[in-house]
Amino acid sequence: MKGGAFWRQRAVMIVLLAVSSAVSADHVVGHASIGRIDIYLGVLPAEMLRGHPRAHPESMMHGGAPESAFHHVSVALFDRTTGRRILGARVEAQVSGENYSGPRKVLEPMQAEGARLYGNYFAFGGAAAHNVRVWVMLPDSREPVVEDFDWARS
């Protein structure tokens, strides 16, 4: 792994952990490189975000954390050639598991600890293993980049 990619990955992991305010066994960071895009995926139980005080910006993102079996899915995007964060993309995701396929949702632009990410809440059902499919449409593209991430509850 090139030095710049290593530090980008470390920075994203730190931001995703800062959003959670705690380390969880359910927290996963996945990475994929597709063409000129580096995609970093984070998954946190929603209850970790419900613990923020009302005045904290993350407490009300996406309308506030749902009350039941939801997780927060977040994606950070970087341009592989320049190392710069990609802003202005349209990002969507869908979570599926054994005998379950949830709705495809827009990941809303958000800011966490000063970093720009995309995120939203998803129901993960009762299965232990899930697939998180991510669609990224760059402002200058005609076709989305699609990547599948495996996520397993520990």
N, C-alpha and C. Protein backbone atom coordinates (compact mmCIF):
# COMPACT_ATOMS: atom_id res chain seq x y z
N MET A 1 0.85 -1.16 0.00
CA MET A 1 0.00 0.00 0.00
C MET A 1 0.89 1.23 0.00
N LYS A 2 0.62 2.18 -0.87
CA LYS A 2 1.41 3.39 -0.94
C LYS A 2 1.20 4.20 0.33
N GLY A 3 2.21 5.01 0.69
CA GLY A 3 2.15 5.80 1.92
C GLY A 3 0.92 6.67 2.02
N GLY A 4 0.55 7.38 0.95
CA GLY A 4 -0.62 8.26 0.98
C GLY A 4 -1.90 7.49 1.22
N ALA A 5 -2.04 6.33 0.59
CA ALA A 5 -3.25 5.51 0.76
C ALA A 5 -3.34 5.02 2.20
N PHE A 6 -2.21 4.64 2.79
CA PHE A 6 -2.21 4.17 4.17
C PHE A 6 -2.72 5.26 5.10
N TRP A 7 -2.21 6.48 4.93
CA TRP A 7 -2.62 7.57 5.82
C TRP A 7 -4.06 7.99 5.58
N ARG A 8 -4.55 7.93 4.33
CA ARG A 8 -5.97 8.21 4.07
C ARG A 8 -6.84 7.20 4.79
N GLN A 9 -6.45 5.91 4.69
CA GLN A 9 -7.23 4.87 5.36
C GLN A 9 -7.22 5.07 6.87
N ARG A 10 -6.08 5.39 7.44
CA ARG A 10 -5.99 5.63 8.88
C ARG A 10 -6.87 6.82 9.28
N ALA A 11 -6.83 7.89 8.49
CA ALA A 11 -7.64 9.08 8.80
C ALA A 11 -9.12 8.75 8.77
N VAL A 12 -9.56 7.98 7.78
CA VAL A 12 -10.97 7.60 7.70
C VAL A 12 -11.36 6.74 8.89
N MET A 13 -10.52 5.81 9.28
CA MET A 13 -10.82 4.96 10.42
C MET A 13 -10.97 5.80 11.69
N ILE A 14 -10.08 6.77 11.87
CA ILE A 14 -10.14 7.62 13.05
C ILE A 14 -11.43 8.43 13.06
N VAL A 15 -11.81 8.98 11.91
CA VAL A 15 -13.05 9.75 11.83
C VAL A 15 -14.24 8.88 12.13
N LEU A 16 -14.30 7.69 11.55
CA LEU A 16 -15.44 6.81 11.79
C LEU A 16 -15.51 6.39 13.26
N LEU A 17 -14.38 6.18 13.88
CA LEU A 17 -14.38 5.85 15.30
C LEU A 17 -14.78 7.06 16.13
N ALA A 18 -14.37 8.26 15.73
CA ALA A 18 -14.75 9.46 16.47
C ALA A 18 -16.25 9.67 16.42
N VAL A 19 -16.87 9.38 15.27
CA VAL A 19 -18.32 9.51 15.16
C VAL A 19 -19.01 8.61 16.16
N SER A 20 -18.47 7.43 16.38
CA SER A 20 -19.12 6.47 17.26
C SER A 20 -18.94 6.81 18.74
N SER A 21 -17.90 7.56 19.07
CA SER A 21 -17.54 7.89 20.46
C SER A 21 -17.18 6.65 21.28
N ALA A 22 -17.07 5.51 20.64
CA ALA A 22 -16.69 4.28 21.35
C ALA A 22 -16.29 3.25 20.31
N VAL A 23 -15.50 2.28 20.71
CA VAL A 23 -15.12 1.21 19.80
C VAL A 23 -16.12 0.07 19.98
N SER A 24 -16.57 -0.50 18.87
CA SER A 24 -17.56 -1.57 18.92
C SER A 24 -17.10 -2.75 18.09
N ALA A 25 -17.47 -3.93 18.50
CA ALA A 25 -17.16 -5.12 17.71
C ALA A 25 -17.93 -5.09 16.39
N ASP A 26 -19.06 -4.36 16.34
CA ASP A 26 -19.83 -4.27 15.11
C ASP A 26 -19.22 -3.30 14.12
N HIS A 27 -18.26 -2.48 14.54
CA HIS A 27 -17.69 -1.47 13.66
C HIS A 27 -16.75 -2.13 12.66
N VAL A 28 -16.97 -1.82 11.41
CA VAL A 28 -16.15 -2.40 10.35
C VAL A 28 -15.76 -1.29 9.40
N VAL A 29 -14.56 -1.30 8.92
CA VAL A 29 -14.18 -0.40 7.85
C VAL A 29 -13.76 -1.28 6.68
N GLY A 30 -14.43 -1.11 5.56
CA GLY A 30 -14.09 -1.83 4.35
C GLY A 30 -13.48 -0.85 3.36
N HIS A 31 -12.67 -1.35 2.45
CA HIS A 31 -12.02 -0.51 1.46
C HIS A 31 -12.07 -1.19 0.11
N ALA A 32 -12.33 -0.39 -0.92
CA ALA A 32 -12.26 -0.88 -2.29
C ALA A 32 -11.68 0.22 -3.17
N SER A 33 -10.85 -0.18 -4.12
CA SER A 33 -10.32 0.74 -5.12
C SER A 33 -10.91 0.37 -6.46
N ILE A 34 -11.63 1.31 -7.06
CA ILE A 34 -12.26 1.07 -8.36
C ILE A 34 -11.92 2.24 -9.26
N GLY A 35 -11.19 1.95 -10.34
CA GLY A 35 -10.78 3.03 -11.23
C GLY A 35 -10.00 4.07 -10.46
N ARG A 36 -10.48 5.30 -10.51
CA ARG A 36 -9.78 6.37 -9.81
C ARG A 36 -10.32 6.66 -8.42
N ILE A 37 -11.23 5.80 -7.92
CA ILE A 37 -11.90 6.06 -6.65
C ILE A 37 -11.46 5.07 -5.57
N ASP A 38 -11.17 5.59 -4.38
CA ASP A 38 -11.03 4.78 -3.18
C ASP A 38 -12.30 4.97 -2.37
N ILE A 39 -12.97 3.85 -2.06
CA ILE A 39 -14.21 3.88 -1.28
C ILE A 39 -13.91 3.24 0.07
N TYR A 40 -14.24 3.96 1.14
CA TYR A 40 -14.09 3.45 2.50
C TYR A 40 -15.48 3.35 3.12
N LEU A 41 -15.82 2.20 3.67
CA LEU A 41 -17.13 1.96 4.25
C LEU A 41 -17.02 1.76 5.76
N GLY A 42 -17.94 2.38 6.50
CA GLY A 42 -18.02 2.20 7.94
C GLY A 42 -19.43 1.80 8.33
N VAL A 43 -19.59 0.92 9.31
CA VAL A 43 -20.89 0.49 9.81
C VAL A 43 -20.85 0.56 11.33
N LEU A 44 -21.82 1.30 11.91
CA LEU A 44 -21.91 1.45 13.36
C LEU A 44 -23.34 1.17 13.82
N PRO A 45 -23.53 0.53 14.96
CA PRO A 45 -24.88 0.40 15.50
C PRO A 45 -25.45 1.79 15.79
N ALA A 46 -26.72 2.01 15.45
CA ALA A 46 -27.35 3.32 15.65
C ALA A 46 -27.34 3.74 17.11
N GLU A 47 -27.42 2.79 18.03
CA GLU A 47 -27.45 3.17 19.45
C GLU A 47 -26.19 3.89 19.88
N MET A 48 -25.09 3.68 19.18
CA MET A 48 -23.86 4.40 19.50
C MET A 48 -24.02 5.88 19.20
N LEU A 49 -24.79 6.22 18.20
CA LEU A 49 -25.00 7.62 17.84
C LEU A 49 -26.12 8.24 18.67
N ARG A 50 -27.06 7.42 19.15
CA ARG A 50 -28.12 7.95 20.00
C ARG A 50 -27.56 8.46 21.32
N GLY A 51 -26.36 8.04 21.71
CA GLY A 51 -25.77 8.46 22.97
C GLY A 51 -25.23 9.88 22.97
N HIS A 52 -25.13 10.52 21.79
CA HIS A 52 -24.63 11.90 21.74
C HIS A 52 -25.62 12.85 22.41
N PRO A 53 -25.13 13.89 23.08
CA PRO A 53 -26.04 14.91 23.60
C PRO A 53 -26.78 15.60 22.46
N ARG A 54 -27.97 16.12 22.72
CA ARG A 54 -28.79 16.76 21.70
C ARG A 54 -28.03 17.86 20.94
N ALA A 55 -27.16 18.60 21.62
CA ALA A 55 -26.43 19.70 20.99
C ALA A 55 -25.33 19.21 20.04
N HIS A 56 -24.95 17.95 20.14
CA HIS A 56 -23.89 17.39 19.30
C HIS A 56 -24.42 17.22 17.88
N PRO A 57 -23.68 17.66 16.84
CA PRO A 57 -24.18 17.59 15.47
C PRO A 57 -24.59 16.19 15.00
N GLU A 58 -23.86 15.16 15.46
CA GLU A 58 -24.19 13.81 15.01
C GLU A 58 -25.50 13.28 15.61
N SER A 59 -26.00 13.92 16.68
CA SER A 59 -27.22 13.40 17.32
C SER A 59 -28.44 13.55 16.42
N MET A 60 -28.43 14.52 15.52
CA MET A 60 -29.61 14.75 14.68
C MET A 60 -29.35 14.50 13.19
N MET A 61 -28.17 13.98 12.83
CA MET A 61 -27.93 13.75 11.40
C MET A 61 -28.93 12.74 10.86
N HIS A 62 -29.35 12.96 9.64
CA HIS A 62 -30.33 12.11 8.94
C HIS A 62 -31.65 12.03 9.71
N GLY A 63 -31.98 13.08 10.46
CA GLY A 63 -33.23 13.10 11.20
C GLY A 63 -33.16 12.44 12.57
N GLY A 64 -31.99 12.03 13.01
CA GLY A 64 -31.83 11.38 14.32
C GLY A 64 -31.77 9.87 14.18
N ALA A 65 -31.12 9.24 15.13
CA ALA A 65 -30.93 7.78 15.10
C ALA A 65 -32.24 7.06 15.38
N PRO A 66 -32.63 6.10 14.54
CA PRO A 66 -33.85 5.31 14.78
C PRO A 66 -33.73 4.51 16.08
N GLU A 67 -34.85 4.10 16.61
CA GLU A 67 -34.89 3.44 17.92
C GLU A 67 -34.56 1.95 17.89
N SER A 68 -34.77 1.25 16.78
CA SER A 68 -34.59 -0.21 16.83
C SER A 68 -33.40 -0.65 16.00
N ALA A 69 -33.40 -1.87 15.53
CA ALA A 69 -32.24 -2.57 14.95
C ALA A 69 -31.69 -1.90 13.70
N PHE A 70 -31.19 -0.70 13.86
CA PHE A 70 -30.62 0.03 12.73
C PHE A 70 -29.13 0.21 12.93
N HIS A 71 -28.45 0.39 11.80
CA HIS A 71 -27.03 0.71 11.80
C HIS A 71 -26.82 1.95 10.94
N HIS A 72 -25.75 2.68 11.24
CA HIS A 72 -25.40 3.83 10.42
C HIS A 72 -24.32 3.38 9.44
N VAL A 73 -24.59 3.56 8.17
CA VAL A 73 -23.64 3.23 7.11
C VAL A 73 -23.04 4.54 6.62
N SER A 74 -21.71 4.61 6.58
CA SER A 74 -21.05 5.82 6.08
C SER A 74 -19.99 5.44 5.06
N VAL A 75 -19.80 6.35 4.12
CA VAL A 75 -18.85 6.15 3.03
C VAL A 75 -18.00 7.40 2.89
N ALA A 76 -16.70 7.22 2.77
CA ALA A 76 -15.78 8.30 2.45
C ALA A 76 -15.17 7.98 1.08
N LEU A 77 -15.04 9.00 0.25
CA LEU A 77 -14.53 8.82 -1.11
C LEU A 77 -13.27 9.66 -1.32
N PHE A 78 -12.28 9.05 -1.97
CA PHE A 78 -11.05 9.77 -2.30
C PHE A 78 -10.68 9.51 -3.75
N ASP A 79 -10.08 10.51 -4.37
CA ASP A 79 -9.51 10.36 -5.71
C ASP A 79 -8.16 9.70 -5.55
N ARG A 80 -7.97 8.53 -6.16
CA ARG A 80 -6.72 7.77 -5.99
C ARG A 80 -5.51 8.50 -6.52
N THR A 81 -5.69 9.29 -7.59
CA THR A 81 -4.53 9.96 -8.18
C THR A 81 -4.07 11.17 -7.39
N THR A 82 -5.00 11.95 -6.88
CA THR A 82 -4.63 13.17 -6.17
C THR A 82 -4.65 13.00 -4.66
N GLY A 83 -5.36 11.98 -4.16
CA GLY A 83 -5.49 11.80 -2.72
C GLY A 83 -6.54 12.72 -2.10
N ARG A 84 -7.18 13.54 -2.91
CA ARG A 84 -8.18 14.48 -2.39
C ARG A 84 -9.52 13.78 -2.17
N ARG A 85 -10.22 14.29 -1.17
CA ARG A 85 -11.56 13.80 -0.87
C ARG A 85 -12.48 14.17 -2.04
N ILE A 86 -13.37 13.26 -2.41
CA ILE A 86 -14.33 13.52 -3.49
C ILE A 86 -15.61 14.06 -2.87
N LEU A 87 -15.99 15.25 -3.29
CA LEU A 87 -17.21 15.90 -2.83
C LEU A 87 -18.17 16.02 -4.01
N GLY A 88 -19.43 16.17 -3.74
CA GLY A 88 -20.41 16.38 -4.80
C GLY A 88 -20.85 15.13 -5.53
N ALA A 89 -20.49 13.96 -5.02
CA ALA A 89 -20.93 12.70 -5.64
C ALA A 89 -22.34 12.38 -5.15
N ARG A 90 -23.04 11.57 -5.90
CA ARG A 90 -24.31 11.01 -5.43
C ARG A 90 -23.97 9.58 -5.00
N VAL A 91 -24.24 9.28 -3.73
CA VAL A 91 -23.89 7.98 -3.18
C VAL A 91 -25.17 7.33 -2.66
N GLU A 92 -25.38 6.07 -3.01
CA GLU A 92 -26.53 5.29 -2.55
C GLU A 92 -26.03 3.96 -2.02
N ALA A 93 -26.84 3.35 -1.18
CA ALA A 93 -26.49 2.03 -0.64
C ALA A 93 -27.74 1.21 -0.41
N GLN A 94 -27.53 -0.10 -0.35
CA GLN A 94 -28.60 -1.05 -0.06
C GLN A 94 -27.99 -2.17 0.78
N VAL A 95 -28.72 -2.56 1.82
CA VAL A 95 -28.27 -3.63 2.70
C VAL A 95 -29.15 -4.84 2.48
N SER A 96 -28.52 -6.01 2.31
CA SER A 96 -29.29 -7.24 2.16
C SER A 96 -28.62 -8.33 2.99
N GLY A 97 -29.42 -9.32 3.35
CA GLY A 97 -28.94 -10.46 4.12
C GLY A 97 -29.71 -11.68 3.69
N GLU A 98 -29.54 -12.75 4.43
CA GLU A 98 -30.26 -13.98 4.12
C GLU A 98 -31.76 -13.71 4.23
N ASN A 99 -32.48 -13.94 3.15
CA ASN A 99 -33.93 -13.72 3.09
C ASN A 99 -34.35 -12.29 3.37
N TYR A 100 -33.48 -11.32 3.10
CA TYR A 100 -33.81 -9.92 3.37
C TYR A 100 -33.10 -9.03 2.36
N SER A 101 -33.85 -8.09 1.81
CA SER A 101 -33.25 -7.07 0.95
C SER A 101 -33.93 -5.75 1.27
N GLY A 102 -33.18 -4.84 1.85
CA GLY A 102 -33.73 -3.55 2.25
C GLY A 102 -33.80 -2.59 1.09
N PRO A 103 -34.37 -1.41 1.34
CA PRO A 103 -34.49 -0.41 0.28
C PRO A 103 -33.15 0.22 -0.06
N ARG A 104 -33.03 0.65 -1.28
CA ARG A 104 -31.87 1.42 -1.71
C ARG A 104 -32.10 2.86 -1.24
N LYS A 105 -31.11 3.43 -0.54
CA LYS A 105 -31.25 4.77 0.03
C LYS A 105 -30.09 5.66 -0.40
N VAL A 106 -30.37 6.95 -0.47
CA VAL A 106 -29.32 7.94 -0.70
C VAL A 106 -28.51 8.10 0.57
N LEU A 107 -27.20 8.10 0.45
CA LEU A 107 -26.33 8.43 1.57
C LEU A 107 -26.14 9.95 1.54
N GLU A 108 -26.60 10.61 2.56
CA GLU A 108 -26.59 12.07 2.60
C GLU A 108 -25.20 12.59 2.92
N PRO A 109 -24.82 13.72 2.29
CA PRO A 109 -23.55 14.34 2.67
C PRO A 109 -23.62 14.73 4.15
N MET A 110 -22.53 14.52 4.85
CA MET A 110 -22.50 14.83 6.27
C MET A 110 -21.08 15.21 6.66
N GLN A 111 -20.95 15.80 7.82
CA GLN A 111 -19.64 16.14 8.33
C GLN A 111 -19.50 15.53 9.71
N ALA A 112 -18.39 14.85 9.95
CA ALA A 112 -18.11 14.23 11.24
C ALA A 112 -16.68 14.54 11.62
N GLU A 113 -16.52 15.21 12.75
CA GLU A 113 -15.19 15.58 13.23
C GLU A 113 -14.39 16.30 12.14
N GLY A 114 -15.06 17.15 11.38
CA GLY A 114 -14.39 17.96 10.36
C GLY A 114 -14.19 17.27 9.02
N ALA A 115 -14.54 16.00 8.90
CA ALA A 115 -14.36 15.27 7.63
C ALA A 115 -15.70 15.13 6.92
N ARG A 116 -15.69 15.21 5.60
CA ARG A 116 -16.91 15.05 4.80
C ARG A 116 -17.10 13.59 4.46
N LEU A 117 -18.28 13.08 4.77
CA LEU A 117 -18.66 11.70 4.50
C LEU A 117 -20.06 11.70 3.90
N TYR A 118 -20.53 10.52 3.55
CA TYR A 118 -21.90 10.31 3.11
C TYR A 118 -22.47 9.23 4.02
N GLY A 119 -23.73 9.38 4.48
CA GLY A 119 -24.25 8.37 5.38
C GLY A 119 -25.76 8.36 5.49
N ASN A 120 -26.26 7.27 6.09
CA ASN A 120 -27.68 7.13 6.38
C ASN A 120 -27.87 5.90 7.28
N TYR A 121 -29.09 5.76 7.81
CA TYR A 121 -29.43 4.62 8.66
C TYR A 121 -30.10 3.52 7.85
N PHE A 122 -29.78 2.27 8.21
CA PHE A 122 -30.34 1.10 7.53
C PHE A 122 -30.72 0.04 8.55
N ALA A 123 -31.82 -0.66 8.28
CA ALA A 123 -32.18 -1.85 9.06
C ALA A 123 -31.30 -3.00 8.57
N PHE A 124 -30.77 -3.78 9.48
CA PHE A 124 -29.90 -4.88 9.10
C PHE A 124 -30.53 -6.24 9.32
N GLY A 125 -31.77 -6.30 9.76
CA GLY A 125 -32.44 -7.59 9.94
C GLY A 125 -31.72 -8.46 10.96
N GLY A 126 -32.16 -9.71 11.08
CA GLY A 126 -31.62 -10.59 12.10
C GLY A 126 -30.44 -11.43 11.67
N ALA A 127 -30.13 -11.47 10.39
CA ALA A 127 -29.04 -12.33 9.91
C ALA A 127 -27.70 -11.85 10.45
N ALA A 128 -26.75 -12.76 10.57
CA ALA A 128 -25.42 -12.41 11.05
C ALA A 128 -24.56 -11.80 9.94
N ALA A 129 -24.79 -12.21 8.69
CA ALA A 129 -23.98 -11.72 7.57
C ALA A 129 -24.85 -10.88 6.63
N HIS A 130 -24.28 -9.80 6.17
CA HIS A 130 -24.99 -8.90 5.27
C HIS A 130 -24.09 -8.46 4.13
N ASN A 131 -24.73 -7.98 3.09
CA ASN A 131 -24.03 -7.36 1.97
C ASN A 131 -24.45 -5.90 1.93
N VAL A 132 -23.48 -5.01 1.80
CA VAL A 132 -23.77 -3.59 1.63
C VAL A 132 -23.30 -3.23 0.22
N ARG A 133 -24.26 -2.96 -0.65
CA ARG A 133 -23.93 -2.55 -2.02
C ARG A 133 -23.94 -1.03 -2.07
N VAL A 134 -22.87 -0.46 -2.64
CA VAL A 134 -22.70 0.99 -2.71
C VAL A 134 -22.62 1.40 -4.18
N TRP A 135 -23.40 2.44 -4.52
CA TRP A 135 -23.36 3.05 -5.85
C TRP A 135 -22.78 4.46 -5.69
N VAL A 136 -21.78 4.79 -6.50
CA VAL A 136 -21.17 6.12 -6.47
C VAL A 136 -21.27 6.71 -7.87
N MET A 137 -21.97 7.85 -7.96
CA MET A 137 -22.07 8.57 -9.23
C MET A 137 -21.28 9.87 -9.06
N LEU A 138 -20.14 9.94 -9.75
CA LEU A 138 -19.33 11.15 -9.70
C LEU A 138 -19.98 12.24 -10.55
N PRO A 139 -19.74 13.50 -10.21
CA PRO A 139 -20.37 14.59 -10.97
C PRO A 139 -20.05 14.55 -12.47
N ASP A 140 -18.89 14.05 -12.85
CA ASP A 140 -18.48 14.05 -14.25
C ASP A 140 -18.66 12.68 -14.93
N SER A 141 -19.45 11.78 -14.32
CA SER A 141 -19.63 10.42 -14.86
C SER A 141 -21.04 10.21 -15.38
N ARG A 142 -21.15 9.25 -16.29
CA ARG A 142 -22.47 8.86 -16.80
C ARG A 142 -22.98 7.58 -16.18
N GLU A 143 -22.07 6.76 -15.69
CA GLU A 143 -22.41 5.47 -15.09
C GLU A 143 -21.87 5.42 -13.66
N PRO A 144 -22.64 4.84 -12.74
CA PRO A 144 -22.15 4.74 -11.37
C PRO A 144 -21.09 3.65 -11.23
N VAL A 145 -20.25 3.83 -10.24
CA VAL A 145 -19.33 2.79 -9.79
C VAL A 145 -20.10 2.00 -8.73
N VAL A 146 -20.08 0.67 -8.83
CA VAL A 146 -20.83 -0.17 -7.90
C VAL A 146 -19.85 -1.11 -7.21
N GLU A 147 -19.97 -1.21 -5.88
CA GLU A 147 -19.11 -2.11 -5.13
C GLU A 147 -19.92 -2.79 -4.04
N ASP A 148 -19.63 -4.07 -3.80
CA ASP A 148 -20.27 -4.84 -2.75
C ASP A 148 -19.28 -5.05 -1.60
N PHE A 149 -19.76 -4.84 -0.39
CA PHE A 149 -18.96 -5.07 0.81
C PHE A 149 -19.67 -6.13 1.66
N ASP A 150 -18.92 -7.07 2.20
CA ASP A 150 -19.48 -8.05 3.12
C ASP A 150 -19.32 -7.52 4.53
N TRP A 151 -20.37 -7.66 5.32
CA TRP A 151 -20.37 -7.20 6.71
C TRP A 151 -20.95 -8.32 7.57
N ALA A 152 -20.28 -8.66 8.64
CA ALA A 152 -20.76 -9.73 9.52
C ALA A 152 -20.84 -9.22 10.95
N ARG A 153 -21.96 -9.50 11.57
CA ARG A 153 -22.15 -9.17 12.99
C ARG A 153 -21.27 -10.12 13.78
N SER A 154 -20.57 -9.58 14.76
CA SER A 154 -19.68 -10.46 15.53
C SER A 154 -20.37 -11.00 16.75
